[in-house]
Amino acid sequence: MRNLLLFVLVLIGIWWVRRALNRPNDGSDTAGRGRGAGRGNSPERMVGCDHCGIHVPESEGVRDGDRFFCCEEHRRLGVQRRES
């Protein structure tokens, strides 16, 4: 029984040390925030494709001057006229 208690205490100690090492060292208090908060990640801007209209993250799309397209194929096809 004593060995089992010692084993559980060692596991708790390892968990506590790993948790302490994985904390961000920026000095900000992240207690009470949602998961992923306080990591410095900002939401990425979503932009609509000028060919099909689908919205994709700006980093995943293709620019052609002031036009934005969701993929290279739509950039090659150009702007599609949409009927309202």
PDB file of N, CA and C in Angstrom:
ATOM      1  N   MET A   1       0.825  -1.194   0.000  1.00  0.00           N
ATOM      2  CA  MET A   1       0.000   0.000   0.000  1.00  0.00           C
ATOM      3  C   MET A   1       0.871   1.260   0.000  1.00  0.00           C
ATOM      4  N   ARG A   2       1.960   1.183   0.756  1.00  0.00           N
ATOM      5  CA  ARG A   2       2.854   2.327   0.827  1.00  0.00           C
ATOM      6  C   ARG A   2       3.490   2.604  -0.531  1.00  0.00           C
ATOM      7  N   ASN A   3       3.841   1.555  -1.265  1.00  0.00           N
ATOM      8  CA  ASN A   3       4.436   1.716  -2.596  1.00  0.00           C
ATOM      9  C   ASN A   3       3.446   2.352  -3.573  1.00  0.00           C
ATOM     10  N   LEU A   4       2.191   1.988  -3.482  1.00  0.00           N
ATOM     11  CA  LEU A   4       1.165   2.568  -4.344  1.00  0.00           C
ATOM     12  C   LEU A   4       1.010   4.059  -4.068  1.00  0.00           C
ATOM     13  N   LEU A   5       0.997   4.447  -2.815  1.00  0.00           N
ATOM     14  CA  LEU A   5       0.896   5.855  -2.445  1.00  0.00           C
ATOM     15  C   LEU A   5       2.115   6.629  -2.937  1.00  0.00           C
ATOM     16  N   LEU A   6       3.290   6.044  -2.792  1.00  0.00           N
ATOM     17  CA  LEU A   6       4.516   6.685  -3.282  1.00  0.00           C
ATOM     18  C   LEU A   6       4.472   6.849  -4.802  1.00  0.00           C
ATOM     19  N   PHE A   7       3.988   5.839  -5.504  1.00  0.00           N
ATOM     20  CA  PHE A   7       3.864   5.899  -6.960  1.00  0.00           C
ATOM     21  C   PHE A   7       2.916   7.014  -7.394  1.00  0.00           C
ATOM     22  N   VAL A   8       1.774   7.146  -6.734  1.00  0.00           N
ATOM     23  CA  VAL A   8       0.801   8.193  -7.057  1.00  0.00           C
ATOM     24  C   VAL A   8       1.405   9.576  -6.785  1.00  0.00           C
ATOM     25  N   LEU A   9       2.130   9.728  -5.702  1.00  0.00           N
ATOM     26  CA  LEU A   9       2.769  11.006  -5.393  1.00  0.00           C
ATOM     27  C   LEU A   9       3.839  11.370  -6.424  1.00  0.00           C
ATOM     28  N   VAL A  10       4.587  10.394  -6.902  1.00  0.00           N
ATOM     29  CA  VAL A  10       5.587  10.647  -7.952  1.00  0.00           C
ATOM     30  C   VAL A  10       4.891  11.078  -9.232  1.00  0.00           C
ATOM     31  N   LEU A  11       3.800  10.434  -9.611  1.00  0.00           N
ATOM     32  CA  LEU A  11       3.051  10.830 -10.815  1.00  0.00           C
ATOM     33  C   LEU A  11       2.518  12.254 -10.699  1.00  0.00           C
ATOM     34  N   ILE A  12       1.996  12.615  -9.547  1.00  0.00           N
ATOM     35  CA  ILE A  12       1.492  13.972  -9.334  1.00  0.00           C
ATOM     36  C   ILE A  12       2.639  14.970  -9.425  1.00  0.00           C
ATOM     37  N   GLY A  13       3.804  14.627  -8.883  1.00  0.00           N
ATOM     38  CA  GLY A  13       4.970  15.502  -8.967  1.00  0.00           C
ATOM     39  C   GLY A  13       5.430  15.706 -10.400  1.00  0.00           C
ATOM     40  N   ILE A  14       5.469  14.648 -11.187  1.00  0.00           N
ATOM     41  CA  ILE A  14       5.853  14.763 -12.603  1.00  0.00           C
ATOM     42  C   ILE A  14       4.856  15.630 -13.353  1.00  0.00           C
ATOM     43  N   TRP A  15       3.574  15.419 -13.102  1.00  0.00           N
ATOM     44  CA  TRP A  15       2.542  16.231 -13.765  1.00  0.00           C
ATOM     45  C   TRP A  15       2.708  17.710 -13.413  1.00  0.00           C
ATOM     46  N   TRP A  16       2.957  17.998 -12.141  1.00  0.00           N
ATOM     47  CA  TRP A  16       3.096  19.384 -11.689  1.00  0.00           C
ATOM     48  C   TRP A  16       4.310  20.058 -12.329  1.00  0.00           C
ATOM     49  N   VAL A  17       5.438  19.345 -12.423  1.00  0.00           N
ATOM     50  CA  VAL A  17       6.655  19.901 -13.025  1.00  0.00           C
ATOM     51  C   VAL A  17       6.436  20.163 -14.512  1.00  0.00           C
ATOM     52  N   ARG A  18       5.838  19.226 -15.228  1.00  0.00           N
ATOM     53  CA  ARG A  18       5.581  19.420 -16.669  1.00  0.00           C
ATOM     54  C   ARG A  18       4.646  20.591 -16.902  1.00  0.00           C
ATOM     55  N   ARG A  19       3.637  20.735 -16.041  1.00  0.00           N
ATOM     56  CA  ARG A  19       2.696  21.851 -16.171  1.00  0.00           C
ATOM     57  C   ARG A  19       3.403  23.184 -15.944  1.00  0.00           C
ATOM     58  N   ALA A  20       4.293  23.217 -14.965  1.00  0.00           N
ATOM     59  CA  ALA A  20       5.035  24.444 -14.668  1.00  0.00           C
ATOM     60  C   ALA A  20       5.997  24.799 -15.799  1.00  0.00           C
ATOM     61  N   LEU A  21       6.599  23.817 -16.433  1.00  0.00           N
ATOM     62  CA  LEU A  21       7.541  24.079 -17.522  1.00  0.00           C
ATOM     63  C   LEU A  21       6.849  24.509 -18.805  1.00  0.00           C
ATOM     64  N   ASN A  22       5.607  24.118 -19.009  1.00  0.00           N
ATOM     65  CA  ASN A  22       4.888  24.449 -20.234  1.00  0.00           C
ATOM     66  C   ASN A  22       4.151  25.775 -20.175  1.00  0.00           C
ATOM     67  N   ARG A  23       4.198  26.456 -19.058  1.00  0.00           N
ATOM     68  CA  ARG A  23       3.524  27.754 -18.933  1.00  0.00           C
ATOM     69  C   ARG A  23       4.273  28.817 -19.716  1.00  0.00           C
ATOM     70  N   PRO A  24       3.551  29.765 -20.320  1.00  0.00           N
ATOM     71  CA  PRO A  24       4.234  30.885 -20.988  1.00  0.00           C
ATOM     72  C   PRO A  24       4.896  31.770 -19.940  1.00  0.00           C
ATOM     73  N   ASN A  25       6.041  32.318 -20.272  1.00  0.00           N
ATOM     74  CA  ASN A  25       6.800  33.133 -19.331  1.00  0.00           C
ATOM     75  C   ASN A  25       6.643  34.617 -19.602  1.00  0.00           C
ATOM     76  N   ASP A  26       5.509  35.048 -20.131  1.00  0.00           N
ATOM     77  CA  ASP A  26       5.320  36.464 -20.444  1.00  0.00           C
ATOM     78  C   ASP A  26       4.843  37.276 -19.250  1.00  0.00           C
ATOM     79  N   GLY A  27       4.595  36.636 -18.131  1.00  0.00           N
ATOM     80  CA  GLY A  27       4.191  37.338 -16.926  1.00  0.00           C
ATOM     81  C   GLY A  27       2.717  37.673 -16.858  1.00  0.00           C
ATOM     82  N   SER A  28       1.958  37.398 -17.885  1.00  0.00           N
ATOM     83  CA  SER A  28       0.526  37.703 -17.856  1.00  0.00           C
ATOM     84  C   SER A  28      -0.215  36.595 -17.137  1.00  0.00           C
ATOM     85  N   ASP A  29      -1.293  36.979 -16.498  1.00  0.00           N
ATOM     86  CA  ASP A  29      -2.118  36.020 -15.773  1.00  0.00           C
ATOM     87  C   ASP A  29      -3.173  35.481 -16.722  1.00  0.00           C
ATOM     88  N   THR A  30      -3.123  34.195 -17.033  1.00  0.00           N
ATOM     89  CA  THR A  30      -4.072  33.606 -17.980  1.00  0.00           C
ATOM     90  C   THR A  30      -5.146  32.806 -17.263  1.00  0.00           C
ATOM     91  N   ALA A  31      -5.223  32.906 -15.954  1.00  0.00           N
ATOM     92  CA  ALA A  31      -6.231  32.150 -15.211  1.00  0.00           C
ATOM     93  C   ALA A  31      -7.630  32.636 -15.575  1.00  0.00           C
ATOM     94  N   GLY A  32      -8.533  31.699 -15.800  1.00  0.00           N
ATOM     95  CA  GLY A  32      -9.914  32.040 -16.088  1.00  0.00           C
ATOM     96  C   GLY A  32     -10.198  32.305 -17.550  1.00  0.00           C
ATOM     97  N   ARG A  33      -9.191  32.247 -18.382  1.00  0.00           N
ATOM     98  CA  ARG A  33      -9.425  32.466 -19.814  1.00  0.00           C
ATOM     99  C   ARG A  33      -9.700  31.139 -20.495  1.00  0.00           C
ATOM    100  N   GLY A  34     -10.248  31.236 -21.696  1.00  0.00           N
ATOM    101  CA  GLY A  34     -10.539  30.032 -22.450  1.00  0.00           C
ATOM    102  C   GLY A  34      -9.280  29.387 -22.969  1.00  0.00           C
ATOM    103  N   ARG A  35      -9.423  28.199 -23.502  1.00  0.00           N
ATOM    104  CA  ARG A  35      -8.279  27.471 -24.027  1.00  0.00           C
ATOM    105  C   ARG A  35      -7.700  28.221 -25.221  1.00  0.00           C
ATOM    106  N   GLY A  36      -6.401  28.383 -25.260  1.00  0.00           N
ATOM    107  CA  GLY A  36      -5.737  29.066 -26.359  1.00  0.00           C
ATOM    108  C   GLY A  36      -5.610  30.557 -26.149  1.00  0.00           C
ATOM    109  N   ALA A  37      -6.221  31.097 -25.131  1.00  0.00           N
ATOM    110  CA  ALA A  37      -6.130  32.536 -24.892  1.00  0.00           C
ATOM    111  C   ALA A  37      -4.775  32.867 -24.304  1.00  0.00           C
ATOM    112  N   GLY A  38      -4.275  34.040 -24.627  1.00  0.00           N
ATOM    113  CA  GLY A  38      -3.022  34.492 -24.068  1.00  0.00           C
ATOM    114  C   GLY A  38      -1.802  33.963 -24.783  1.00  0.00           C
ATOM    115  N   ARG A  39      -1.960  33.339 -25.925  1.00  0.00           N
ATOM    116  CA  ARG A  39      -0.818  32.796 -26.647  1.00  0.00           C
ATOM    117  C   ARG A  39      -0.304  33.749 -27.714  1.00  0.00           C
ATOM    118  N   GLY A  40      -0.946  34.890 -27.895  1.00  0.00           N
ATOM    119  CA  GLY A  40      -0.481  35.840 -28.882  1.00  0.00           C
ATOM    120  C   GLY A  40      -1.008  35.566 -30.279  1.00  0.00           C
ATOM    121  N   ASN A  41      -1.846  34.574 -30.443  1.00  0.00           N
ATOM    122  CA  ASN A  41      -2.413  34.285 -31.752  1.00  0.00           C
ATOM    123  C   ASN A  41      -3.603  35.189 -31.992  1.00  0.00           C
ATOM    124  N   SER A  42      -3.584  35.888 -33.113  1.00  0.00           N
ATOM    125  CA  SER A  42      -4.720  36.729 -33.447  1.00  0.00           C
ATOM    126  C   SER A  42      -5.495  36.059 -34.575  1.00  0.00           C
ATOM    127  N   PRO A  43      -6.789  36.313 -34.659  1.00  0.00           N
ATOM    128  CA  PRO A  43      -7.584  35.711 -35.730  1.00  0.00           C
ATOM    129  C   PRO A  43      -7.112  36.201 -37.086  1.00  0.00           C
ATOM    130  N   GLU A  44      -7.167  35.314 -38.058  1.00  0.00           N
ATOM    131  CA  GLU A  44      -6.728  35.680 -39.393  1.00  0.00           C
ATOM    132  C   GLU A  44      -7.901  36.223 -40.198  1.00  0.00           C
ATOM    133  N   ARG A  45      -7.618  37.170 -41.046  1.00  0.00           N
ATOM    134  CA  ARG A  45      -8.632  37.818 -41.872  1.00  0.00           C
ATOM    135  C   ARG A  45      -9.122  36.856 -42.961  1.00  0.00           C
ATOM    136  N   MET A  46     -10.437  36.761 -43.119  1.00  0.00           N
ATOM    137  CA  MET A  46     -11.037  35.927 -44.155  1.00  0.00           C
ATOM    138  C   MET A  46     -11.405  36.831 -45.333  1.00  0.00           C
ATOM    139  N   VAL A  47     -11.039  36.399 -46.534  1.00  0.00           N
ATOM    140  CA  VAL A  47     -11.264  37.207 -47.730  1.00  0.00           C
ATOM    141  C   VAL A  47     -12.029  36.366 -48.743  1.00  0.00           C
ATOM    142  N   GLY A  48     -12.973  36.999 -49.448  1.00  0.00           N
ATOM    143  CA  GLY A  48     -13.777  36.299 -50.452  1.00  0.00           C
ATOM    144  C   GLY A  48     -13.065  36.209 -51.788  1.00  0.00           C
ATOM    145  N   CYS A  49     -13.168  35.054 -52.418  1.00  0.00           N
ATOM    146  CA  CYS A  49     -12.574  34.828 -53.734  1.00  0.00           C
ATOM    147  C   CYS A  49     -13.352  35.627 -54.781  1.00  0.00           C
ATOM    148  N   ASP A  50     -12.649  36.312 -55.677  1.00  0.00           N
ATOM    149  CA  ASP A  50     -13.304  37.098 -56.720  1.00  0.00           C
ATOM    150  C   ASP A  50     -13.851  36.230 -57.850  1.00  0.00           C
ATOM    151  N   HIS A  51     -13.564  34.930 -57.830  1.00  0.00           N
ATOM    152  CA  HIS A  51     -14.107  34.046 -58.855  1.00  0.00           C
ATOM    153  C   HIS A  51     -15.349  33.307 -58.355  1.00  0.00           C
ATOM    154  N   CYS A  52     -15.223  32.633 -57.200  1.00  0.00           N
ATOM    155  CA  CYS A  52     -16.335  31.804 -56.725  1.00  0.00           C
ATOM    156  C   CYS A  52     -17.051  32.380 -55.505  1.00  0.00           C
ATOM    157  N   GLY A  53     -16.441  33.332 -54.816  1.00  0.00           N
ATOM    158  CA  GLY A  53     -17.079  33.971 -53.684  1.00  0.00           C
ATOM    159  C   GLY A  53     -16.826  33.301 -52.341  1.00  0.00           C
ATOM    160  N   ILE A  54     -16.161  32.153 -52.331  1.00  0.00           N
ATOM    161  CA  ILE A  54     -15.899  31.469 -51.068  1.00  0.00           C
ATOM    162  C   ILE A  54     -14.884  32.272 -50.253  1.00  0.00           C
ATOM    163  N   HIS A  55     -15.051  32.264 -48.938  1.00  0.00           N
ATOM    164  CA  HIS A  55     -14.138  32.982 -48.049  1.00  0.00           C
ATOM    165  C   HIS A  55     -13.085  32.022 -47.519  1.00  0.00           C
ATOM    166  N   VAL A  56     -11.820  32.400 -47.668  1.00  0.00           N
ATOM    167  CA  VAL A  56     -10.694  31.608 -47.179  1.00  0.00           C
ATOM    168  C   VAL A  56      -9.760  32.507 -46.385  1.00  0.00           C
ATOM    169  N   PRO A  57      -8.927  31.920 -45.506  1.00  0.00           N
ATOM    170  CA  PRO A  57      -7.951  32.743 -44.805  1.00  0.00           C
ATOM    171  C   PRO A  57      -7.012  33.427 -45.797  1.00  0.00           C
ATOM    172  N   GLU A  58      -6.653  34.651 -45.502  1.00  0.00           N
ATOM    173  CA  GLU A  58      -5.852  35.445 -46.426  1.00  0.00           C
ATOM    174  C   GLU A  58      -4.514  34.781 -46.753  1.00  0.00           C
ATOM    175  N   SER A  59      -3.935  34.063 -45.799  1.00  0.00           N
ATOM    176  CA  SER A  59      -2.635  33.429 -46.037  1.00  0.00           C
ATOM    177  C   SER A  59      -2.726  32.226 -46.972  1.00  0.00           C
ATOM    178  N   GLU A  60      -3.933  31.667 -47.142  1.00  0.00           N
ATOM    179  CA  GLU A  60      -4.090  30.491 -47.990  1.00  0.00           C
ATOM    180  C   GLU A  60      -4.508  30.842 -49.415  1.00  0.00           C
ATOM    181  N   GLY A  61      -4.862  32.076 -49.663  1.00  0.00           N
ATOM    182  CA  GLY A  61      -5.315  32.493 -50.978  1.00  0.00           C
ATOM    183  C   GLY A  61      -4.185  33.004 -51.858  1.00  0.00           C
ATOM    184  N   VAL A  62      -4.577  33.468 -53.055  1.00  0.00           N
ATOM    185  CA  VAL A  62      -3.619  33.971 -54.038  1.00  0.00           C
ATOM    186  C   VAL A  62      -4.043  35.381 -54.430  1.00  0.00           C
ATOM    187  N   ARG A  63      -3.103  36.306 -54.438  1.00  0.00           N
ATOM    188  CA  ARG A  63      -3.377  37.684 -54.848  1.00  0.00           C
ATOM    189  C   ARG A  63      -2.894  37.898 -56.273  1.00  0.00           C
ATOM    190  N   ASP A  64      -3.662  38.697 -57.013  1.00  0.00           N
ATOM    191  CA  ASP A  64      -3.278  39.126 -58.359  1.00  0.00           C
ATOM    192  C   ASP A  64      -3.591  40.610 -58.437  1.00  0.00           C
ATOM    193  N   GLY A  65      -2.615  41.426 -58.071  1.00  0.00           N
ATOM    194  CA  GLY A  65      -2.854  42.863 -57.971  1.00  0.00           C
ATOM    195  C   GLY A  65      -3.756  43.138 -56.791  1.00  0.00           C
ATOM    196  N   ASP A  66      -4.885  43.804 -57.049  1.00  0.00           N
ATOM    197  CA  ASP A  66      -5.829  44.074 -55.964  1.00  0.00           C
ATOM    198  C   ASP A  66      -6.919  43.007 -55.881  1.00  0.00           C
ATOM    199  N   ARG A  67      -6.863  41.998 -56.707  1.00  0.00           N
ATOM    200  CA  ARG A  67      -7.830  40.891 -56.701  1.00  0.00           C
ATOM    201  C   ARG A  67      -7.347  39.769 -55.787  1.00  0.00           C
ATOM    202  N   PHE A  68      -8.298  39.012 -55.208  1.00  0.00           N
ATOM    203  CA  PHE A  68      -7.977  37.898 -54.334  1.00  0.00           C
ATOM    204  C   PHE A  68      -8.718  36.668 -54.822  1.00  0.00           C
ATOM    205  N   PHE A  69      -8.019  35.534 -54.863  1.00  0.00           N
ATOM    206  CA  PHE A  69      -8.606  34.272 -55.303  1.00  0.00           C
ATOM    207  C   PHE A  69      -8.277  33.177 -54.304  1.00  0.00           C
ATOM    208  N   CYS A  70      -9.148  32.163 -54.226  1.00  0.00           N
ATOM    209  CA  CYS A  70      -8.965  31.088 -53.254  1.00  0.00           C
ATOM    210  C   CYS A  70      -7.899  30.096 -53.692  1.00  0.00           C
ATOM    211  N   CYS A  71      -7.607  30.014 -54.985  1.00  0.00           N
ATOM    212  CA  CYS A  71      -6.588  29.081 -55.475  1.00  0.00           C
ATOM    213  C   CYS A  71      -5.989  29.602 -56.785  1.00  0.00           C
ATOM    214  N   GLU A  72      -4.931  28.974 -57.201  1.00  0.00           N
ATOM    215  CA  GLU A  72      -4.233  29.384 -58.424  1.00  0.00           C
ATOM    216  C   GLU A  72      -5.118  29.183 -59.659  1.00  0.00           C
ATOM    217  N   GLU A  73      -5.923  28.136 -59.658  1.00  0.00           N
ATOM    218  CA  GLU A  73      -6.815  27.874 -60.800  1.00  0.00           C
ATOM    219  C   GLU A  73      -7.829  29.004 -60.990  1.00  0.00           C
ATOM    220  N   HIS A  74      -8.404  29.487 -59.902  1.00  0.00           N
ATOM    221  CA  HIS A  74      -9.371  30.584 -60.008  1.00  0.00           C
ATOM    222  C   HIS A  74      -8.679  31.888 -60.388  1.00  0.00           C
ATOM    223  N   ARG A  75      -7.424  32.065 -59.960  1.00  0.00           N
ATOM    224  CA  ARG A  75      -6.678  33.248 -60.396  1.00  0.00           C
ATOM    225  C   ARG A  75      -6.461  33.205 -61.903  1.00  0.00           C
ATOM    226  N   ARG A  76      -6.165  32.015 -62.426  1.00  0.00           N
ATOM    227  CA  ARG A  76      -5.948  31.853 -63.860  1.00  0.00           C
ATOM    228  C   ARG A  76      -7.241  32.093 -64.642  1.00  0.00           C
ATOM    229  N   LEU A  77      -8.387  31.648 -64.089  1.00  0.00           N
ATOM    230  CA  LEU A  77      -9.667  31.829 -64.774  1.00  0.00           C
ATOM    231  C   LEU A  77     -10.158  33.270 -64.695  1.00  0.00           C
ATOM    232  N   GLY A  78      -9.746  34.003 -63.686  1.00  0.00           N
ATOM    233  CA  GLY A  78     -10.112  35.410 -63.560  1.00  0.00           C
ATOM    234  C   GLY A  78     -11.433  35.614 -62.842  1.00  0.00           C
ATOM    235  N   VAL A  79     -11.900  36.865 -62.883  1.00  0.00           N
ATOM    236  CA  VAL A  79     -13.125  37.261 -62.182  1.00  0.00           C
ATOM    237  C   VAL A  79     -14.329  36.719 -62.926  1.00  0.00           C
ATOM    238  N   GLN A  80     -15.230  36.084 -62.199  1.00  0.00           N
ATOM    239  CA  GLN A  80     -16.455  35.559 -62.782  1.00  0.00           C
ATOM    240  C   GLN A  80     -17.596  36.516 -62.458  1.00  0.00           C
ATOM    241  N   ARG A  81     -18.383  36.831 -63.460  1.00  0.00           N
ATOM    242  CA  ARG A  81     -19.539  37.708 -63.267  1.00  0.00           C
ATOM    243  C   ARG A  81     -20.658  36.904 -62.618  1.00  0.00           C
ATOM    244  N   ARG A  82     -21.143  37.380 -61.484  1.00  0.00           N
ATOM    245  CA  ARG A  82     -22.223  36.714 -60.762  1.00  0.00           C
ATOM    246  C   ARG A  82     -23.506  37.476 -60.962  1.00  0.00           C
ATOM    247  N   GLU A  83     -24.596  36.723 -61.201  1.00  0.00           N
ATOM    248  CA  GLU A  83     -25.908  37.369 -61.356  1.00  0.00           C
ATOM    249  C   GLU A  83     -26.553  37.503 -60.011  1.00  0.00           C
ATOM    250  N   SER A  84     -27.204  38.632 -59.765  1.00  0.00           N
ATOM    251  CA  SER A  84     -27.851  38.880 -58.477  1.00  0.00           C
ATOM    252  C   SER A  84     -29.279  38.448 -58.487  1.00  0.00           C
TER     253      SER A  84
END
